[in-house]
Amino acid sequence: MRLRCGLIIGAFCLSAAGCSSNDLAVKKQMEMDARLEQLAQGNVAANARITDLANEISDLQRQVKTASTDIEAMKQSHNEFKASIDSIRQKLAALTPPASTPKIELVNREAAPPDSDAALQDAYMKAFGLFSANKYSEAIEAFEAFVTAHPTSEYAGNAM
């Protein structure tokens, strides 16, 4: 009887151990199912995001194509405008005579005595000629020399 009791207790322990490992297997299976469901939902969300991104890419490609077409049209208009400006410049150059630097020359003028009014006027006109020819530094020197040499001349005020 003792042996029988020992066998019954042993069988009970083995079946209890088998039940607990069965419960553990069921629990692990439920956890795996829950994780698999999470992954499936994540996959659905990822696929939706991929679809949205593909649509955005398509929109951007259409915008780039439109912009490229606009740029090509602008290039053509720019080239036509540039050709028009060049044509106008050529016509303007043909109509406008070349600019020449004005020169003041004294023709057939005899050298006047150093103290006469003609000599003063010649010295002043020489400095003024340099100024008119846009030779400013030389004109300044000539006007200063005129004022130094003839401080009481009627041209001294203009020379200053």
C-alpha atoms as a PDB file:
ATOM      1  CA  MET A   1       0.000   0.000   0.000  1.00  0.00           C
ATOM      2  CA  ARG A   2       2.792   2.157   0.675  1.00  0.00           C
ATOM      3  CA  LEU A   3       4.084   1.409  -2.679  1.00  0.00           C
ATOM      4  CA  ARG A   4       0.783   2.224  -4.190  1.00  0.00           C
ATOM      5  CA  CYS A   5       0.608   5.524  -2.384  1.00  0.00           C
ATOM      6  CA  GLY A   6       4.108   6.345  -3.541  1.00  0.00           C
ATOM      7  CA  LEU A   7       3.166   5.557  -7.088  1.00  0.00           C
ATOM      8  CA  ILE A   8       0.028   7.681  -6.905  1.00  0.00           C
ATOM      9  CA  ILE A   9       1.946  10.598  -5.408  1.00  0.00           C
ATOM     10  CA  GLY A  10       4.659  10.233  -8.057  1.00  0.00           C
ATOM     11  CA  ALA A  11       2.084  10.161 -10.851  1.00  0.00           C
ATOM     12  CA  PHE A  12       0.366  13.186  -9.381  1.00  0.00           C
ATOM     13  CA  CYS A  13       3.663  15.102  -9.248  1.00  0.00           C
ATOM     14  CA  LEU A  14       4.471  14.179 -12.829  1.00  0.00           C
ATOM     15  CA  SER A  15       1.046  15.248 -14.068  1.00  0.00           C
ATOM     16  CA  ALA A  16       1.267  18.501 -12.086  1.00  0.00           C
ATOM     17  CA  ALA A  17       4.674  19.178 -13.600  1.00  0.00           C
ATOM     18  CA  GLY A  18       3.269  18.442 -17.068  1.00  0.00           C
ATOM     19  CA  CYS A  19       0.346  20.849 -16.516  1.00  0.00           C
ATOM     20  CA  SER A  20       2.620  23.665 -15.437  1.00  0.00           C
ATOM     21  CA  SER A  21       4.848  23.241 -18.454  1.00  0.00           C
ATOM     22  CA  ASN A  22       1.715  23.134 -20.647  1.00  0.00           C
ATOM     23  CA  ASP A  23       0.529  26.399 -19.044  1.00  0.00           C
ATOM     24  CA  LEU A  24       3.950  27.897 -19.709  1.00  0.00           C
ATOM     25  CA  ALA A  25       3.779  26.828 -23.373  1.00  0.00           C
ATOM     26  CA  VAL A  26       0.295  28.347 -23.756  1.00  0.00           C
ATOM     27  CA  LYS A  27       1.491  31.600 -22.162  1.00  0.00           C
ATOM     28  CA  LYS A  28       4.502  31.749 -24.517  1.00  0.00           C
ATOM     29  CA  GLN A  29       2.222  31.044 -27.492  1.00  0.00           C
ATOM     30  CA  MET A  30      -0.089  33.951 -26.495  1.00  0.00           C
ATOM     31  CA  GLU A  31       2.900  36.295 -26.154  1.00  0.00           C
ATOM     32  CA  MET A  32       4.151  35.276 -29.591  1.00  0.00           C
ATOM     33  CA  ASP A  33       0.687  35.817 -31.095  1.00  0.00           C
ATOM     34  CA  ALA A  34       0.504  39.313 -29.536  1.00  0.00           C
ATOM     35  CA  ARG A  35       3.969  40.186 -30.878  1.00  0.00           C
ATOM     36  CA  LEU A  36       3.047  38.848 -34.320  1.00  0.00           C
ATOM     37  CA  GLU A  37      -0.094  41.038 -34.299  1.00  0.00           C
ATOM     38  CA  GLN A  38       2.024  44.097 -33.395  1.00  0.00           C
ATOM     39  CA  LEU A  39       4.388  43.364 -36.275  1.00  0.00           C
ATOM     40  CA  ALA A  40       1.475  42.949 -38.678  1.00  0.00           C
ATOM     41  CA  GLN A  41       0.027  46.333 -37.603  1.00  0.00           C
ATOM     42  CA  GLY A  42       3.461  47.933 -37.967  1.00  0.00           C
ATOM     43  CA  ASN A  43       3.724  46.444 -41.448  1.00  0.00           C
ATOM     44  CA  VAL A  44       0.341  47.909 -42.422  1.00  0.00           C
ATOM     45  CA  ALA A  45       1.407  51.354 -41.121  1.00  0.00           C
ATOM     46  CA  ALA A  46       4.737  51.119 -42.963  1.00  0.00           C
ATOM     47  CA  ASN A  47       2.982  50.175 -46.195  1.00  0.00           C
ATOM     48  CA  ALA A  48       0.608  53.151 -45.813  1.00  0.00           C
ATOM     49  CA  ARG A  49       3.581  55.482 -45.269  1.00  0.00           C
ATOM     50  CA  ILE A  50       5.333  54.026 -48.329  1.00  0.00           C
ATOM     51  CA  THR A  51       2.220  54.695 -50.410  1.00  0.00           C
ATOM     52  CA  ASP A  52       2.070  58.303 -49.144  1.00  0.00           C
ATOM     53  CA  LEU A  53       5.739  58.823 -49.954  1.00  0.00           C
ATOM     54  CA  ALA A  54       5.295  57.350 -53.440  1.00  0.00           C
ATOM     55  CA  ASN A  55       2.440  59.806 -54.057  1.00  0.00           C
ATOM     56  CA  GLU A  56       4.589  62.705 -52.829  1.00  0.00           C
ATOM     57  CA  ILE A  57       7.413  61.618 -55.141  1.00  0.00           C
ATOM     58  CA  SER A  58       5.012  61.529 -58.068  1.00  0.00           C
ATOM     59  CA  ASP A  59       3.797  65.052 -57.242  1.00  0.00           C
ATOM     60  CA  LEU A  60       7.373  66.319 -56.960  1.00  0.00           C
ATOM     61  CA  GLN A  61       8.292  64.716 -60.289  1.00  0.00           C
ATOM     62  CA  ARG A  62       5.347  66.493 -61.950  1.00  0.00           C
ATOM     63  CA  GLN A  63       6.437  69.792 -60.378  1.00  0.00           C
ATOM     64  CA  VAL A  64      10.030  69.311 -61.572  1.00  0.00           C
ATOM     65  CA  LYS A  65       8.811  68.527 -65.081  1.00  0.00           C
ATOM     66  CA  THR A  66       6.630  71.674 -65.080  1.00  0.00           C
ATOM     67  CA  ALA A  67       9.499  73.769 -63.736  1.00  0.00           C
ATOM     68  CA  SER A  68      11.846  72.379 -66.386  1.00  0.00           C
ATOM     69  CA  THR A  69       9.371  73.268 -69.111  1.00  0.00           C
ATOM     70  CA  ASP A  70       9.021  76.787 -67.684  1.00  0.00           C
ATOM     71  CA  ILE A  71      12.801  77.193 -67.491  1.00  0.00           C
ATOM     72  CA  GLU A  72      13.220  76.135 -71.115  1.00  0.00           C
ATOM     73  CA  ALA A  73      10.582  78.682 -72.157  1.00  0.00           C
ATOM     74  CA  MET A  74      12.364  81.357 -70.108  1.00  0.00           C
ATOM     75  CA  LYS A  75      15.705  80.468 -71.713  1.00  0.00           C
ATOM     76  CA  GLN A  76      14.202  80.901 -75.154  1.00  0.00           C
ATOM     77  CA  SER A  77      12.626  84.235 -74.168  1.00  0.00           C
ATOM     78  CA  HIS A  78      15.911  85.333 -72.609  1.00  0.00           C
ATOM     79  CA  ASN A  79      17.825  84.516 -75.796  1.00  0.00           C
ATOM     80  CA  GLU A  80      15.285  86.411 -77.903  1.00  0.00           C
ATOM     81  CA  PHE A  81      15.480  89.382 -75.528  1.00  0.00           C
ATOM     82  CA  LYS A  82      19.276  89.299 -75.621  1.00  0.00           C
ATOM     83  CA  ALA A  83      19.268  89.234 -79.434  1.00  0.00           C
ATOM     84  CA  SER A  84      16.851  92.158 -79.460  1.00  0.00           C
ATOM     85  CA  ILE A  85      19.078  94.187 -77.135  1.00  0.00           C
ATOM     86  CA  ASP A  86      22.132  93.416 -79.279  1.00  0.00           C
ATOM     87  CA  SER A  87      20.238  94.548 -82.370  1.00  0.00           C
ATOM     88  CA  ILE A  88      19.201  97.800 -80.668  1.00  0.00           C
ATOM     89  CA  ARG A  89      22.790  98.404 -79.537  1.00  0.00           C
ATOM     90  CA  GLN A  90      24.054  97.948 -83.091  1.00  0.00           C
ATOM     91  CA  LYS A  91      21.453 100.351 -84.457  1.00  0.00           C
ATOM     92  CA  LEU A  92      22.284 102.873 -81.724  1.00  0.00           C
ATOM     93  CA  ALA A  93      26.011 102.567 -82.432  1.00  0.00           C
ATOM     94  CA  ALA A  94      25.343 103.204 -86.115  1.00  0.00           C
ATOM     95  CA  LEU A  95      23.302 106.316 -85.310  1.00  0.00           C
ATOM     96  CA  THR A  96      25.612 107.797 -82.678  1.00  0.00           C
ATOM     97  CA  PRO A  97      28.800 109.427 -83.951  1.00  0.00           C
ATOM     98  CA  PRO A  98      31.935 108.515 -82.021  1.00  0.00           C
ATOM     99  CA  ALA A  99      32.647 110.865 -79.152  1.00  0.00           C
ATOM    100  CA  SER A 100      35.824 112.827 -79.552  1.00  0.00           C
ATOM    101  CA  THR A 101      37.761 114.639 -76.893  1.00  0.00           C
ATOM    102  CA  PRO A 102      37.377 118.382 -77.349  1.00  0.00           C
ATOM    103  CA  LYS A 103      40.633 120.142 -77.967  1.00  0.00           C
ATOM    104  CA  ILE A 104      41.393 123.800 -77.823  1.00  0.00           C
ATOM    105  CA  GLU A 105      43.997 124.857 -80.301  1.00  0.00           C
ATOM    106  CA  LEU A 106      45.386 128.239 -80.999  1.00  0.00           C
ATOM    107  CA  VAL A 107      45.977 128.700 -84.684  1.00  0.00           C
ATOM    108  CA  ASN A 108      48.256 131.359 -86.169  1.00  0.00           C
ATOM    109  CA  ARG A 109      48.811 133.102 -82.889  1.00  0.00           C
ATOM    110  CA  GLU A 110      51.977 135.059 -82.466  1.00  0.00           C
ATOM    111  CA  ALA A 111      53.731 134.876 -79.121  1.00  0.00           C
ATOM    112  CA  ALA A 112      52.725 137.923 -77.127  1.00  0.00           C
ATOM    113  CA  PRO A 113      55.063 139.903 -74.908  1.00  0.00           C
ATOM    114  CA  PRO A 114      55.212 138.351 -71.399  1.00  0.00           C
ATOM    115  CA  ASP A 115      53.352 141.137 -69.579  1.00  0.00           C
ATOM    116  CA  SER A 116      50.590 141.843 -72.095  1.00  0.00           C
ATOM    117  CA  ASP A 117      46.905 140.854 -71.752  1.00  0.00           C
ATOM    118  CA  ALA A 118      47.294 138.409 -74.628  1.00  0.00           C
ATOM    119  CA  ALA A 119      50.055 136.539 -72.747  1.00  0.00           C
ATOM    120  CA  LEU A 120      47.860 136.330 -69.634  1.00  0.00           C
ATOM    121  CA  GLN A 121      44.958 135.096 -71.701  1.00  0.00           C
ATOM    122  CA  ASP A 122      47.178 132.499 -73.428  1.00  0.00           C
ATOM    123  CA  ALA A 123      48.460 131.147 -70.097  1.00  0.00           C
ATOM    124  CA  TYR A 124      44.896 130.943 -68.758  1.00  0.00           C
ATOM    125  CA  MET A 125      43.596 129.306 -71.958  1.00  0.00           C
ATOM    126  CA  LYS A 126      46.389 126.712 -71.818  1.00  0.00           C
ATOM    127  CA  ALA A 127      45.343 125.705 -68.273  1.00  0.00           C
ATOM    128  CA  PHE A 128      41.662 125.760 -69.283  1.00  0.00           C
ATOM    129  CA  GLY A 129      42.456 123.582 -72.321  1.00  0.00           C
ATOM    130  CA  LEU A 130      43.997 120.969 -70.015  1.00  0.00           C
ATOM    131  CA  PHE A 131      40.869 121.093 -67.852  1.00  0.00           C
ATOM    132  CA  SER A 132      38.618 120.709 -70.914  1.00  0.00           C
ATOM    133  CA  ALA A 133      40.645 117.700 -72.065  1.00  0.00           C
ATOM    134  CA  ASN A 134      39.959 115.998 -68.688  1.00  0.00           C
ATOM    135  CA  LYS A 135      43.620 116.210 -67.666  1.00  0.00           C
ATOM    136  CA  TYR A 136      42.721 117.406 -64.213  1.00  0.00           C
ATOM    137  CA  SER A 137      46.030 116.968 -62.393  1.00  0.00           C
ATOM    138  CA  GLU A 138      47.904 118.896 -65.140  1.00  0.00           C
ATOM    139  CA  ALA A 139      45.155 121.545 -65.187  1.00  0.00           C
ATOM    140  CA  ILE A 140      45.462 122.037 -61.419  1.00  0.00           C
ATOM    141  CA  GLU A 141      49.205 122.563 -61.740  1.00  0.00           C
ATOM    142  CA  ALA A 142      48.729 124.999 -64.645  1.00  0.00           C
ATOM    143  CA  PHE A 143      46.036 127.017 -62.811  1.00  0.00           C
ATOM    144  CA  GLU A 144      48.175 127.156 -59.649  1.00  0.00           C
ATOM    145  CA  ALA A 145      51.184 128.323 -61.674  1.00  0.00           C
ATOM    146  CA  PHE A 146      48.979 130.968 -63.361  1.00  0.00           C
ATOM    147  CA  VAL A 147      47.682 132.269 -60.015  1.00  0.00           C
ATOM    148  CA  THR A 148      51.238 132.310 -58.580  1.00  0.00           C
ATOM    149  CA  ALA A 149      52.637 134.171 -61.600  1.00  0.00           C
ATOM    150  CA  HIS A 150      49.688 136.561 -62.060  1.00  0.00           C
ATOM    151  CA  PRO A 151      47.830 137.008 -58.739  1.00  0.00           C
ATOM    152  CA  THR A 152      46.302 140.365 -59.794  1.00  0.00           C
ATOM    153  CA  SER A 153      45.129 139.277 -63.255  1.00  0.00           C
ATOM    154  CA  GLU A 154      41.469 139.499 -64.185  1.00  0.00           C
ATOM    155  CA  TYR A 155      41.590 135.683 -64.785  1.00  0.00           C
ATOM    156  CA  ALA A 156      43.039 134.910 -61.316  1.00  0.00           C
ATOM    157  CA  GLY A 157      39.562 134.487 -59.770  1.00  0.00           C
ATOM    158  CA  ASN A 158      38.490 131.964 -62.400  1.00  0.00           C
ATOM    159  CA  ALA A 159      41.827 130.149 -62.145  1.00  0.00           C
ATOM    160  CA  MET A 160      41.348 129.699 -58.411  1.00  0.00           C
END
